[in-house]
Amino acid sequence: MSQGQANDWIQRLTPILQATLQVEAVLPEREPAKLEQVLADYDLLEFTIDGTQRRRQRPKDNVVQKAYYSGKKKPIP
């Protein structure tokens, strides 16, 4: 499957997936601050933490930038 075909399928299927997850009340929570409330509301469900590393904009100042450096040399493709 080409990149274009994969993107086309993602665009077609994402709204269907989101609608289904909303009906089942299992949409992912995007705000970490709301974790305690979600766990209290759904105490019988199992949860998975998405630990995907994402790029972030780091400060230009070298001294401040060190606090944001993960140690990796190259981004993950």
PDB file of N, CA and C in Angstrom:
ATOM      1  N   MET A   1       0.851  -1.166   0.000  1.00  0.00           N
ATOM      2  CA  MET A   1       0.000   0.000   0.000  1.00  0.00           C
ATOM      3  C   MET A   1       0.902   1.236   0.000  1.00  0.00           C
ATOM      4  N   SER A   2       0.593   2.151  -0.862  1.00  0.00           N
ATOM      5  CA  SER A   2       1.406   3.363  -0.958  1.00  0.00           C
ATOM      6  C   SER A   2       1.046   4.340   0.161  1.00  0.00           C
ATOM      7  N   GLN A   3       1.892   5.335   0.352  1.00  0.00           N
ATOM      8  CA  GLN A   3       1.650   6.360   1.369  1.00  0.00           C
ATOM      9  C   GLN A   3       0.346   7.107   1.079  1.00  0.00           C
ATOM     10  N   GLY A   4       0.098   7.386  -0.194  1.00  0.00           N
ATOM     11  CA  GLY A   4      -1.125   8.079  -0.579  1.00  0.00           C
ATOM     12  C   GLY A   4      -2.376   7.269  -0.262  1.00  0.00           C
ATOM     13  N   GLN A   5      -2.326   5.964  -0.557  1.00  0.00           N
ATOM     14  CA  GLN A   5      -3.465   5.100  -0.261  1.00  0.00           C
ATOM     15  C   GLN A   5      -3.686   5.007   1.250  1.00  0.00           C
ATOM     16  N   ALA A   6      -2.594   4.887   2.008  1.00  0.00           N
ATOM     17  CA  ALA A   6      -2.706   4.810   3.464  1.00  0.00           C
ATOM     18  C   ALA A   6      -3.345   6.080   4.012  1.00  0.00           C
ATOM     19  N   ASN A   7      -2.914   7.225   3.513  1.00  0.00           N
ATOM     20  CA  ASN A   7      -3.488   8.488   3.962  1.00  0.00           C
ATOM     21  C   ASN A   7      -4.970   8.579   3.604  1.00  0.00           C
ATOM     22  N   ASP A   8      -5.325   8.126   2.422  1.00  0.00           N
ATOM     23  CA  ASP A   8      -6.728   8.147   2.004  1.00  0.00           C
ATOM     24  C   ASP A   8      -7.585   7.307   2.951  1.00  0.00           C
ATOM     25  N   TRP A   9      -7.111   6.109   3.296  1.00  0.00           N
ATOM     26  CA  TRP A   9      -7.861   5.246   4.201  1.00  0.00           C
ATOM     27  C   TRP A   9      -7.940   5.835   5.604  1.00  0.00           C
ATOM     28  N   ILE A  10      -6.877   6.471   6.047  1.00  0.00           N
ATOM     29  CA  ILE A  10      -6.896   7.117   7.366  1.00  0.00           C
ATOM     30  C   ILE A  10      -7.958   8.203   7.383  1.00  0.00           C
ATOM     31  N   GLN A  11      -8.007   9.019   6.328  1.00  0.00           N
ATOM     32  CA  GLN A  11      -8.986  10.100   6.254  1.00  0.00           C
ATOM     33  C   GLN A  11     -10.416   9.564   6.197  1.00  0.00           C
ATOM     34  N   ARG A  12     -10.620   8.452   5.544  1.00  0.00           N
ATOM     35  CA  ARG A  12     -11.964   7.877   5.430  1.00  0.00           C
ATOM     36  C   ARG A  12     -12.412   7.199   6.723  1.00  0.00           C
ATOM     37  N   LEU A  13     -11.492   6.500   7.378  1.00  0.00           N
ATOM     38  CA  LEU A  13     -11.875   5.677   8.520  1.00  0.00           C
ATOM     39  C   LEU A  13     -11.813   6.394   9.869  1.00  0.00           C
ATOM     40  N   THR A  14     -11.054   7.469   9.983  1.00  0.00           N
ATOM     41  CA  THR A  14     -10.932   8.164  11.261  1.00  0.00           C
ATOM     42  C   THR A  14     -12.272   8.662  11.791  1.00  0.00           C
ATOM     43  N   PRO A  15     -13.118   9.316  10.981  1.00  0.00           N
ATOM     44  CA  PRO A  15     -14.422   9.755  11.528  1.00  0.00           C
ATOM     45  C   PRO A  15     -15.292   8.582  12.000  1.00  0.00           C
ATOM     46  N   ILE A  16     -15.219   7.460  11.309  1.00  0.00           N
ATOM     47  CA  ILE A  16     -16.000   6.288  11.702  1.00  0.00           C
ATOM     48  C   ILE A  16     -15.499   5.748  13.033  1.00  0.00           C
ATOM     49  N   LEU A  17     -14.180   5.670  13.182  1.00  0.00           N
ATOM     50  CA  LEU A  17     -13.588   5.194  14.429  1.00  0.00           C
ATOM     51  C   LEU A  17     -13.940   6.127  15.592  1.00  0.00           C
ATOM     52  N   GLN A  18     -13.818   7.426  15.379  1.00  0.00           N
ATOM     53  CA  GLN A  18     -14.142   8.378  16.440  1.00  0.00           C
ATOM     54  C   GLN A  18     -15.608   8.290  16.854  1.00  0.00           C
ATOM     55  N   ALA A  19     -16.496   8.158  15.892  1.00  0.00           N
ATOM     56  CA  ALA A  19     -17.924   8.040  16.207  1.00  0.00           C
ATOM     57  C   ALA A  19     -18.202   6.767  17.001  1.00  0.00           C
ATOM     58  N   THR A  20     -17.572   5.684  16.614  1.00  0.00           N
ATOM     59  CA  THR A  20     -17.761   4.420  17.313  1.00  0.00           C
ATOM     60  C   THR A  20     -17.223   4.489  18.735  1.00  0.00           C
ATOM     61  N   LEU A  21     -16.038   5.067  18.897  1.00  0.00           N
ATOM     62  CA  LEU A  21     -15.466   5.188  20.236  1.00  0.00           C
ATOM     63  C   LEU A  21     -16.308   6.102  21.120  1.00  0.00           C
ATOM     64  N   GLN A  22     -16.907   7.121  20.535  1.00  0.00           N
ATOM     65  CA  GLN A  22     -17.760   8.016  21.317  1.00  0.00           C
ATOM     66  C   GLN A  22     -19.024   7.295  21.766  1.00  0.00           C
ATOM     67  N   VAL A  23     -19.625   6.500  20.890  1.00  0.00           N
ATOM     68  CA  VAL A  23     -20.822   5.742  21.249  1.00  0.00           C
ATOM     69  C   VAL A  23     -20.508   4.767  22.385  1.00  0.00           C
ATOM     70  N   GLU A  24     -19.343   4.156  22.324  1.00  0.00           N
ATOM     71  CA  GLU A  24     -18.933   3.191  23.351  1.00  0.00           C
ATOM     72  C   GLU A  24     -18.328   3.870  24.582  1.00  0.00           C
ATOM     73  N   ALA A  25     -18.219   5.197  24.546  1.00  0.00           N
ATOM     74  CA  ALA A  25     -17.660   5.992  25.658  1.00  0.00           C
ATOM     75  C   ALA A  25     -16.236   5.576  25.991  1.00  0.00           C
ATOM     76  N   VAL A  26     -15.437   5.348  24.948  1.00  0.00           N
ATOM     77  CA  VAL A  26     -14.037   4.970  25.167  1.00  0.00           C
ATOM     78  C   VAL A  26     -13.076   5.852  24.364  1.00  0.00           C
ATOM     79  N   LEU A  27     -13.473   7.101  24.133  1.00  0.00           N
ATOM     80  CA  LEU A  27     -12.565   8.024  23.460  1.00  0.00           C
ATOM     81  C   LEU A  27     -11.333   8.257  24.333  1.00  0.00           C
ATOM     82  N   PRO A  28     -10.159   8.384  23.744  1.00  0.00           N
ATOM     83  CA  PRO A  28      -8.963   8.635  24.555  1.00  0.00           C
ATOM     84  C   PRO A  28      -9.009  10.028  25.180  1.00  0.00           C
ATOM     85  N   GLU A  29      -8.498  10.132  26.393  1.00  0.00           N
ATOM     86  CA  GLU A  29      -8.425  11.426  27.083  1.00  0.00           C
ATOM     87  C   GLU A  29      -7.113  12.085  26.709  1.00  0.00           C
ATOM     88  N   ARG A  30      -7.162  13.320  26.256  1.00  0.00           N
ATOM     89  CA  ARG A  30      -5.978  14.037  25.790  1.00  0.00           C
ATOM     90  C   ARG A  30      -5.343  14.900  26.874  1.00  0.00           C
ATOM     91  N   GLU A  31      -6.067  15.148  27.962  1.00  0.00           N
ATOM     92  CA  GLU A  31      -5.574  16.023  29.019  1.00  0.00           C
ATOM     93  C   GLU A  31      -5.117  15.192  30.223  1.00  0.00           C
ATOM     94  N   PRO A  32      -3.812  15.134  30.496  1.00  0.00           N
ATOM     95  CA  PRO A  32      -3.328  14.364  31.646  1.00  0.00           C
ATOM     96  C   PRO A  32      -3.905  14.840  32.979  1.00  0.00           C
ATOM     97  N   ALA A  33      -4.270  16.108  33.073  1.00  0.00           N
ATOM     98  CA  ALA A  33      -4.817  16.639  34.323  1.00  0.00           C
ATOM     99  C   ALA A  33      -6.169  16.005  34.662  1.00  0.00           C
ATOM    100  N   LYS A  34      -6.856  15.454  33.663  1.00  0.00           N
ATOM    101  CA  LYS A  34      -8.173  14.849  33.878  1.00  0.00           C
ATOM    102  C   LYS A  34      -8.091  13.349  34.178  1.00  0.00           C
ATOM    103  N   LEU A  35      -6.894  12.814  34.337  1.00  0.00           N
ATOM    104  CA  LEU A  35      -6.719  11.371  34.510  1.00  0.00           C
ATOM    105  C   LEU A  35      -7.460  10.844  35.734  1.00  0.00           C
ATOM    106  N   GLU A  36      -7.360  11.509  36.863  1.00  0.00           N
ATOM    107  CA  GLU A  36      -8.016  11.024  38.074  1.00  0.00           C
ATOM    108  C   GLU A  36      -9.532  10.950  37.891  1.00  0.00           C
ATOM    109  N   GLN A  37     -10.109  11.939  37.226  1.00  0.00           N
ATOM    110  CA  GLN A  37     -11.556  11.931  36.993  1.00  0.00           C
ATOM    111  C   GLN A  37     -11.953  10.783  36.071  1.00  0.00           C
ATOM    112  N   VAL A  38     -11.175  10.551  35.030  1.00  0.00           N
ATOM    113  CA  VAL A  38     -11.473   9.452  34.100  1.00  0.00           C
ATOM    114  C   VAL A  38     -11.369   8.112  34.811  1.00  0.00           C
ATOM    115  N   LEU A  39     -10.343   7.927  35.620  1.00  0.00           N
ATOM    116  CA  LEU A  39     -10.192   6.670  36.356  1.00  0.00           C
ATOM    117  C   LEU A  39     -11.337   6.466  37.338  1.00  0.00           C
ATOM    118  N   ALA A  40     -11.815   7.545  37.961  1.00  0.00           N
ATOM    119  CA  ALA A  40     -12.937   7.431  38.892  1.00  0.00           C
ATOM    120  C   ALA A  40     -14.231   7.085  38.154  1.00  0.00           C
ATOM    121  N   ASP A  41     -14.421   7.648  36.968  1.00  0.00           N
ATOM    122  CA  ASP A  41     -15.642   7.392  36.191  1.00  0.00           C
ATOM    123  C   ASP A  41     -15.684   5.970  35.630  1.00  0.00           C
ATOM    124  N   TYR A  42     -14.533   5.440  35.274  1.00  0.00           N
ATOM    125  CA  TYR A  42     -14.464   4.134  34.608  1.00  0.00           C
ATOM    126  C   TYR A  42     -13.566   3.200  35.398  1.00  0.00           C
ATOM    127  N   ASP A  43     -13.941   2.887  36.618  1.00  0.00           N
ATOM    128  CA  ASP A  43     -13.080   2.083  37.475  1.00  0.00           C
ATOM    129  C   ASP A  43     -12.992   0.611  37.051  1.00  0.00           C
ATOM    130  N   LEU A  44     -13.895   0.144  36.200  1.00  0.00           N
ATOM    131  CA  LEU A  44     -13.869  -1.256  35.780  1.00  0.00           C
ATOM    132  C   LEU A  44     -13.154  -1.472  34.448  1.00  0.00           C
ATOM    133  N   LEU A  45     -12.758  -0.391  33.784  1.00  0.00           N
ATOM    134  CA  LEU A  45     -12.103  -0.507  32.484  1.00  0.00           C
ATOM    135  C   LEU A  45     -10.592  -0.632  32.629  1.00  0.00           C
ATOM    136  N   GLU A  46      -9.968  -1.184  31.620  1.00  0.00           N
ATOM    137  CA  GLU A  46      -8.515  -1.239  31.565  1.00  0.00           C
ATOM    138  C   GLU A  46      -8.018  -0.078  30.716  1.00  0.00           C
ATOM    139  N   PHE A  47      -6.884   0.503  31.097  1.00  0.00           N
ATOM    140  CA  PHE A  47      -6.343   1.653  30.398  1.00  0.00           C
ATOM    141  C   PHE A  47      -4.932   1.371  29.926  1.00  0.00           C
ATOM    142  N   THR A  48      -4.552   2.022  28.840  1.00  0.00           N
ATOM    143  CA  THR A  48      -3.200   1.956  28.307  1.00  0.00           C
ATOM    144  C   THR A  48      -2.685   3.376  28.173  1.00  0.00           C
ATOM    145  N   ILE A  49      -1.453   3.596  28.605  1.00  0.00           N
ATOM    146  CA  ILE A  49      -0.844   4.907  28.464  1.00  0.00           C
ATOM    147  C   ILE A  49      -0.069   4.930  27.161  1.00  0.00           C
ATOM    148  N   ASP A  50      -0.361   5.932  26.330  1.00  0.00           N
ATOM    149  CA  ASP A  50       0.340   6.087  25.051  1.00  0.00           C
ATOM    150  C   ASP A  50       1.646   6.806  25.324  1.00  0.00           C
ATOM    151  N   GLY A  51       2.755   6.082  25.199  1.00  0.00           N
ATOM    152  CA  GLY A  51       4.063   6.656  25.481  1.00  0.00           C
ATOM    153  C   GLY A  51       4.826   7.025  24.224  1.00  0.00           C
ATOM    154  N   THR A  52       4.121   7.354  23.168  1.00  0.00           N
ATOM    155  CA  THR A  52       4.767   7.712  21.914  1.00  0.00           C
ATOM    156  C   THR A  52       5.544   9.012  22.078  1.00  0.00           C
ATOM    157  N   GLN A  53       6.792   8.976  21.668  1.00  0.00           N
ATOM    158  CA  GLN A  53       7.601  10.180  21.755  1.00  0.00           C
ATOM    159  C   GLN A  53       7.281  11.087  20.569  1.00  0.00           C
ATOM    160  N   ARG A  54       7.066  12.359  20.877  1.00  0.00           N
ATOM    161  CA  ARG A  54       6.750  13.332  19.834  1.00  0.00           C
ATOM    162  C   ARG A  54       7.762  14.460  19.868  1.00  0.00           C
ATOM    163  N   ARG A  55       7.982  15.039  18.701  1.00  0.00           N
ATOM    164  CA  ARG A  55       8.892  16.179  18.624  1.00  0.00           C
ATOM    165  C   ARG A  55       8.288  17.363  19.355  1.00  0.00           C
ATOM    166  N   ARG A  56       9.134  18.176  19.941  1.00  0.00           N
ATOM    167  CA  ARG A  56       8.660  19.384  20.593  1.00  0.00           C
ATOM    168  C   ARG A  56       9.613  20.525  20.298  1.00  0.00           C
ATOM    169  N   GLN A  57       9.061  21.708  20.289  1.00  0.00           N
ATOM    170  CA  GLN A  57       9.859  22.902  20.049  1.00  0.00           C
ATOM    171  C   GLN A  57      10.662  23.198  21.306  1.00  0.00           C
ATOM    172  N   ARG A  58      11.986  23.270  21.162  1.00  0.00           N
ATOM    173  CA  ARG A  58      12.847  23.562  22.300  1.00  0.00           C
ATOM    174  C   ARG A  58      13.286  25.014  22.267  1.00  0.00           C
ATOM    175  N   PRO A  59      13.604  25.572  23.435  1.00  0.00           N
ATOM    176  CA  PRO A  59      14.084  26.951  23.474  1.00  0.00           C
ATOM    177  C   PRO A  59      15.394  27.106  22.702  1.00  0.00           C
ATOM    178  N   LYS A  60      15.646  28.293  22.187  1.00  0.00           N
ATOM    179  CA  LYS A  60      16.875  28.556  21.428  1.00  0.00           C
ATOM    180  C   LYS A  60      18.081  28.755  22.347  1.00  0.00           C
ATOM    181  N   ASP A  61      17.852  29.215  23.574  1.00  0.00           N
ATOM    182  CA  ASP A  61      18.930  29.450  24.523  1.00  0.00           C
ATOM    183  C   ASP A  61      19.544  28.110  24.940  1.00  0.00           C
ATOM    184  N   ASN A  62      20.861  27.944  24.757  1.00  0.00           N
ATOM    185  CA  ASN A  62      21.532  26.677  25.027  1.00  0.00           C
ATOM    186  C   ASN A  62      21.406  26.227  26.476  1.00  0.00           C
ATOM    187  N   VAL A  63      21.455  27.143  27.408  1.00  0.00           N
ATOM    188  CA  VAL A  63      21.378  26.776  28.826  1.00  0.00           C
ATOM    189  C   VAL A  63      19.977  26.246  29.161  1.00  0.00           C
ATOM    190  N   VAL A  64      18.956  26.935  28.708  1.00  0.00           N
ATOM    191  CA  VAL A  64      17.584  26.514  28.971  1.00  0.00           C
ATOM    192  C   VAL A  64      17.249  25.252  28.166  1.00  0.00           C
ATOM    193  N   GLN A  65      17.832  25.130  26.988  1.00  0.00           N
ATOM    194  CA  GLN A  65      17.553  24.015  26.088  1.00  0.00           C
ATOM    195  C   GLN A  65      17.952  22.674  26.690  1.00  0.00           C
ATOM    196  N   LYS A  66      18.967  22.634  27.511  1.00  0.00           N
ATOM    197  CA  LYS A  66      19.439  21.373  28.091  1.00  0.00           C
ATOM    198  C   LYS A  66      18.371  20.669  28.917  1.00  0.00           C
ATOM    199  N   ALA A  67      17.476  21.405  29.515  1.00  0.00           N
ATOM    200  CA  ALA A  67      16.402  20.801  30.310  1.00  0.00           C
ATOM    201  C   ALA A  67      15.440  19.995  29.436  1.00  0.00           C
ATOM    202  N   TYR A  68      15.376  20.301  28.150  1.00  0.00           N
ATOM    203  CA  TYR A  68      14.453  19.630  27.234  1.00  0.00           C
ATOM    204  C   TYR A  68      15.134  18.564  26.375  1.00  0.00           C
ATOM    205  N   TYR A  69      16.412  18.348  26.535  1.00  0.00           N
ATOM    206  CA  TYR A  69      17.152  17.427  25.686  1.00  0.00           C
ATOM    207  C   TYR A  69      16.971  16.000  26.190  1.00  0.00           C
ATOM    208  N   SER A  70      16.532  15.111  25.334  1.00  0.00           N
ATOM    209  CA  SER A  70      16.251  13.730  25.733  1.00  0.00           C
ATOM    210  C   SER A  70      17.471  12.829  25.612  1.00  0.00           C
ATOM    211  N   GLY A  71      18.507  13.279  24.927  1.00  0.00           N
ATOM    212  CA  GLY A  71      19.687  12.446  24.748  1.00  0.00           C
ATOM    213  C   GLY A  71      19.741  11.775  23.391  1.00  0.00           C
ATOM    214  N   LYS A  72      18.654  11.812  22.646  1.00  0.00           N
ATOM    215  CA  LYS A  72      18.632  11.197  21.325  1.00  0.00           C
ATOM    216  C   LYS A  72      19.256  12.151  20.316  1.00  0.00           C
ATOM    217  N   LYS A  73      19.936  11.584  19.361  1.00  0.00           N
ATOM    218  CA  LYS A  73      20.620  12.390  18.353  1.00  0.00           C
ATOM    219  C   LYS A  73      19.753  12.696  17.145  1.00  0.00           C
ATOM    220  N   LYS A  74      18.855  11.772  16.784  1.00  0.00           N
ATOM    221  CA  LYS A  74      18.050  11.933  15.572  1.00  0.00           C
ATOM    222  C   LYS A  74      16.593  11.676  15.901  1.00  0.00           C
ATOM    223  N   PRO A  75      15.666  12.313  15.194  1.00  0.00           N
ATOM    224  CA  PRO A  75      14.251  12.022  15.407  1.00  0.00           C
ATOM    225  C   PRO A  75      13.902  10.639  14.876  1.00  0.00           C
ATOM    226  N   ILE A  76      12.865  10.068  15.434  1.00  0.00           N
ATOM    227  CA  ILE A  76      12.367   8.766  14.972  1.00  0.00           C
ATOM    228  C   ILE A  76      11.616   8.991  13.668  1.00  0.00           C
ATOM    229  N   PRO A  77      11.916   8.206  12.636  1.00  0.00           N
ATOM    230  CA  PRO A  77      11.243   8.428  11.331  1.00  0.00           C
ATOM    231  C   PRO A  77       9.765   8.121  11.375  1.00  0.00           C
TER     232      PRO A  77
END
